[in-house]
Amino acid sequence: MKDQFEKLRNLMIETQLIPRGIKDEKVLNAMRKIPRHLFVPSDRIDEAYEDRPLPIGYGQTISQPYMVAVMTELLKPNKNKKILEIGTGCGYQTAILAEICKEVYTIERVPELTEMAKRNLEKLGYKNVFFKTGDGSLGWEENAPYDGIIVTAGAPKVPESLKKQLSKDGGVLVIPVGSKFTQSLLRITRKENFYDTEELFFCAFVPLIGKEGW
C-alpha cells in the first residue's frame, strides 16, 4: 500500500503539477514526500491524489494539489522564511510549508480542525509549526512581520491587517479575492509602505469568515 501511494504521489507530480508550470524543486520535493492521503477522511483515501479539492468536514476542504503547489511557489519559500497561513484546515498545506520553511504560524477558526491538523503534523514529526484558533482575517500580530502570508479562503477584499503584517522588505501575500463563489488569486508584494499587486487567475475557495472577511 505504501508503494501504491508513493506511485500516486509521483503521478500527481508528473501529470498535475509539472505540466502546469510548477518548477520550484523545493515545492515538488515537498509534495512528493508528504503523504496527502493521511490528511483526507478515511472514506476518501482513494481520492487523495486526484486533481480536485476534497471535503474534510465542517464545511471546509483540502485544496486541489495544483492549487497547493502554485500558492506555495508564489511565496518563493525557503529555509530562512517565516510564513503565516490563514486557514489551517486538515494541515496539508501547513505540512508543505513546514517542510520548506523555517517557521509556519497557522490560524484556523474551527477548533476541531485545529486539533485535527495538530495530530496530523505531530504524526509527521514537524516541530516548526505554531497553531492558533481564531479569526484569521486579522492575522497573528504578535509574531509579525512575516516573509509570506498565504490565505486558503476567499476574501471580499484584501484584509488591511494582513498587509500590515508583511515584512517591509519584499514580504509576499497570496490571497483569493472576489465573491463567495469565485475569486481572483492575487500576489501582493510589499516594499516599505508600497504594495505591488498582481492578478493571476480565477479560482474558487470557501469564504474567509471574519472581521476583515465575510
Protein backbone atom coordinates (compact mmCIF):
# COMPACT_ATOMS: atom_id res chain seq x y z
CA MET A 1 0.00 0.00 0.00
CA LYS A 2 2.88 2.35 0.84
CA ASP A 3 4.40 1.80 -2.61
CA GLN A 4 1.00 2.42 -4.17
CA PHE A 5 0.64 5.82 -2.51
CA GLU A 6 4.21 6.72 -3.44
CA LYS A 7 3.43 5.93 -7.07
CA LEU A 8 0.28 8.04 -6.88
CA ARG A 9 2.27 10.98 -5.46
CA ASN A 10 4.81 10.70 -8.27
CA LEU A 11 1.99 10.51 -10.80
CA MET A 12 0.43 13.62 -9.24
CA ILE A 13 3.73 15.47 -9.72
CA GLU A 14 4.22 14.29 -13.30
CA THR A 15 0.66 14.80 -14.56
CA GLN A 16 -0.86 17.59 -12.45
CA LEU A 17 2.00 19.88 -11.40
CA ILE A 18 4.93 19.90 -13.81
CA PRO A 19 2.77 20.17 -16.98
CA ARG A 20 1.04 23.23 -15.45
CA GLY A 21 4.31 25.03 -14.87
CA ILE A 22 5.31 24.21 -11.29
CA LYS A 23 9.10 24.43 -11.41
CA ASP A 24 10.36 25.03 -7.84
CA GLU A 25 12.15 21.82 -6.86
CA LYS A 26 11.58 22.55 -3.17
CA VAL A 27 7.83 22.59 -3.75
CA LEU A 28 7.87 19.48 -5.96
CA ASN A 29 10.02 17.56 -3.47
CA ALA A 30 7.77 18.51 -0.55
CA MET A 31 4.68 17.34 -2.40
CA ARG A 32 6.48 14.20 -3.47
CA LYS A 33 7.38 13.46 0.17
CA ILE A 34 4.27 14.37 2.18
CA PRO A 35 1.54 11.69 2.26
CA ARG A 36 -1.60 13.58 1.23
CA HIS A 37 -3.75 10.52 1.92
CA LEU A 38 -3.10 10.96 5.66
CA PHE A 39 -4.90 14.32 5.55
CA VAL A 40 -8.20 13.25 3.96
CA PRO A 41 -11.15 11.45 5.61
CA SER A 42 -10.72 7.67 5.61
CA ASP A 43 -13.66 7.20 3.25
CA ARG A 44 -11.98 9.48 0.65
CA ILE A 45 -8.49 7.99 0.86
CA ASP A 46 -8.72 6.52 -2.65
CA GLU A 47 -9.31 10.04 -3.98
CA ALA A 48 -6.41 11.66 -2.11
CA TYR A 49 -4.22 12.25 -5.16
CA GLU A 50 -6.93 13.24 -7.62
CA ASP A 51 -6.87 16.62 -9.34
CA ARG A 52 -9.53 18.32 -7.20
CA PRO A 53 -10.33 19.55 -3.70
CA LEU A 54 -11.95 17.17 -1.22
CA PRO A 55 -14.28 17.80 1.75
CA ILE A 56 -12.71 17.45 5.21
CA GLY A 57 -15.80 18.26 7.31
CA TYR A 58 -17.12 21.45 8.94
CA GLY A 59 -17.85 22.92 5.50
CA GLN A 60 -14.14 23.05 4.64
CA THR A 61 -11.93 21.38 2.00
CA ILE A 62 -8.39 20.24 1.34
CA SER A 63 -7.29 22.20 -1.72
CA GLN A 64 -6.58 20.70 -5.13
CA PRO A 65 -2.90 19.60 -5.29
CA TYR A 66 -2.11 22.09 -8.07
CA MET A 67 -3.56 24.97 -6.04
CA VAL A 68 -1.43 23.98 -3.03
CA ALA A 69 1.65 23.86 -5.26
CA VAL A 70 1.08 27.12 -7.11
CA MET A 71 0.24 29.13 -3.99
CA THR A 72 3.30 27.74 -2.22
CA GLU A 73 5.54 28.52 -5.19
CA LEU A 74 4.22 32.09 -5.34
CA LEU A 75 5.55 32.66 -1.80
CA LYS A 76 9.11 31.89 -3.04
CA PRO A 77 9.64 29.70 0.04
CA ASN A 78 12.97 28.72 1.56
CA LYS A 79 14.54 27.62 4.86
CA ASN A 80 15.03 31.20 6.07
CA LYS A 81 11.40 32.29 5.77
CA LYS A 82 8.67 32.72 8.38
CA ILE A 83 5.20 32.11 6.96
CA LEU A 84 1.68 32.87 8.21
CA GLU A 85 -1.06 30.57 6.95
CA ILE A 86 -4.72 31.61 7.20
CA GLY A 87 -7.00 28.55 7.13
CA THR A 88 -5.18 25.54 8.56
CA GLY A 89 -7.88 23.03 7.64
CA CYS A 90 -6.54 19.49 7.93
CA GLY A 91 -2.93 20.71 7.85
CA TYR A 92 -1.78 19.51 4.41
CA GLN A 93 -0.79 22.94 3.11
CA THR A 94 0.77 23.57 6.53
CA ALA A 95 2.93 20.46 6.17
CA ILE A 96 4.14 21.51 2.71
CA LEU A 97 5.16 24.89 4.12
CA ALA A 98 6.78 23.33 7.20
CA GLU A 99 8.86 21.05 5.00
CA ILE A 100 10.32 24.01 3.12
CA CYS A 101 10.30 26.99 5.51
CA LYS A 102 11.87 27.91 8.85
CA GLU A 103 8.62 28.54 10.77
CA VAL A 104 4.92 28.32 10.00
CA TYR A 105 2.28 30.16 12.05
CA THR A 106 -1.18 28.90 11.17
CA ILE A 107 -4.68 30.06 12.14
CA GLU A 108 -7.95 28.13 11.90
CA ARG A 109 -11.37 29.32 13.10
CA VAL A 110 -12.80 25.78 13.61
CA PRO A 111 -11.32 24.29 16.82
CA GLU A 112 -11.90 20.70 15.68
CA LEU A 113 -9.84 21.32 12.54
CA THR A 114 -7.04 22.92 14.57
CA GLU A 115 -6.86 19.72 16.64
CA MET A 116 -7.00 17.53 13.54
CA ALA A 117 -4.14 19.45 11.95
CA LYS A 118 -2.08 19.27 15.15
CA ARG A 119 -2.43 15.48 15.18
CA ASN A 120 -1.54 15.22 11.51
CA LEU A 121 1.57 17.39 11.84
CA GLU A 122 2.68 15.63 15.03
CA LYS A 123 2.48 12.26 13.25
CA LEU A 124 4.88 13.56 10.63
CA GLY A 125 7.24 15.00 13.25
CA TYR A 126 7.14 18.69 12.38
CA LYS A 127 8.30 20.93 15.25
CA ASN A 128 8.32 24.27 13.43
CA VAL A 129 4.54 24.83 13.28
CA PHE A 130 2.63 27.07 15.70
CA PHE A 131 -1.17 26.84 15.89
CA LYS A 132 -3.89 29.29 16.81
CA THR A 133 -7.67 29.06 16.74
CA GLY A 134 -9.29 32.38 15.90
CA ASP A 135 -10.15 34.98 13.26
CA GLY A 136 -7.60 34.53 10.50
CA SER A 137 -8.66 37.70 8.69
CA LEU A 138 -6.90 39.66 11.46
CA GLY A 139 -3.67 37.69 11.16
CA TRP A 140 -1.37 36.97 14.11
CA GLU A 141 0.13 40.31 15.03
CA GLU A 142 2.27 39.13 17.96
CA ASN A 143 4.57 37.19 15.63
CA ALA A 144 4.69 39.66 12.72
CA PRO A 145 6.32 40.54 10.42
CA TYR A 146 6.09 37.55 8.08
CA ASP A 147 8.10 36.87 4.95
CA GLY A 148 5.00 35.32 3.42
CA ILE A 149 1.28 35.07 4.15
CA ILE A 150 -0.95 32.53 2.42
CA VAL A 151 -4.75 32.66 2.66
CA THR A 152 -6.64 29.50 1.72
CA ALA A 153 -10.11 31.09 1.75
CA GLY A 154 -11.74 33.68 -0.48
CA ALA A 155 -11.95 37.25 0.84
CA PRO A 156 -14.23 40.10 -0.33
CA LYS A 157 -11.16 42.40 -0.24
CA VAL A 158 -7.56 42.22 0.94
CA PRO A 159 -7.52 42.47 4.76
CA GLU A 160 -5.51 45.50 5.86
CA SER A 161 -4.31 43.62 8.95
CA LEU A 162 -2.58 41.04 6.76
CA LYS A 163 -0.92 43.67 4.57
CA LYS A 164 0.47 45.41 7.65
CA GLN A 165 1.91 42.13 8.98
CA LEU A 166 4.05 41.54 5.88
CA SER A 167 7.78 42.14 6.03
CA LYS A 168 8.59 45.56 4.54
CA ASP A 169 11.48 44.01 2.66
CA GLY A 170 9.63 42.04 -0.01
CA GLY A 171 7.00 40.22 2.04
CA VAL A 172 4.51 38.35 -0.15
CA LEU A 173 0.77 37.83 0.44
CA VAL A 174 -1.04 35.24 -1.69
CA ILE A 175 -4.82 35.52 -1.39
CA PRO A 176 -8.01 34.79 -3.38
CA VAL A 177 -10.24 37.89 -3.56
CA GLY A 178 -13.71 38.20 -5.06
CA SER A 179 -17.19 36.86 -4.36
CA LYS A 180 -18.19 33.96 -2.12
CA PHE A 181 -18.19 31.70 -5.16
CA THR A 182 -15.32 32.75 -7.45
CA GLN A 183 -12.20 34.80 -6.83
CA SER A 184 -9.03 36.07 -8.49
CA LEU A 185 -5.78 34.84 -7.00
CA LEU A 186 -3.61 37.82 -6.06
CA ARG A 187 0.06 38.08 -5.17
CA ILE A 188 0.85 41.24 -3.21
CA THR A 189 4.49 42.17 -2.62
CA ARG A 190 5.45 44.78 -0.02
CA LYS A 191 8.40 47.16 -0.28
CA GLU A 192 8.35 49.51 2.71
CA ASN A 193 4.85 51.05 2.51
CA PHE A 194 4.28 50.29 -1.18
CA TYR A 195 2.25 47.24 -2.20
CA ASP A 196 2.56 45.79 -5.71
CA THR A 197 -0.48 43.70 -6.68
CA GLU A 198 -0.50 41.03 -9.40
CA GLU A 199 -3.77 39.43 -10.51
CA LEU A 200 -3.02 35.86 -11.58
CA PHE A 201 -6.04 33.66 -12.41
CA PHE A 202 -9.57 32.77 -11.37
CA CYS A 203 -10.13 30.22 -8.59
CA ALA A 204 -12.81 29.08 -6.13
CA PHE A 205 -12.27 28.82 -2.37
CA VAL A 206 -14.55 28.59 0.66
CA PRO A 207 -15.27 32.06 2.14
CA LEU A 208 -12.87 33.74 4.57
CA ILE A 209 -15.05 34.29 7.63
CA GLY A 210 -14.01 37.07 9.98
CA LYS A 211 -13.92 40.75 10.88
CA GLU A 212 -11.96 41.61 7.72
CA GLY A 213 -13.51 38.81 5.65
CA TRP A 214 -17.14 37.84 5.08
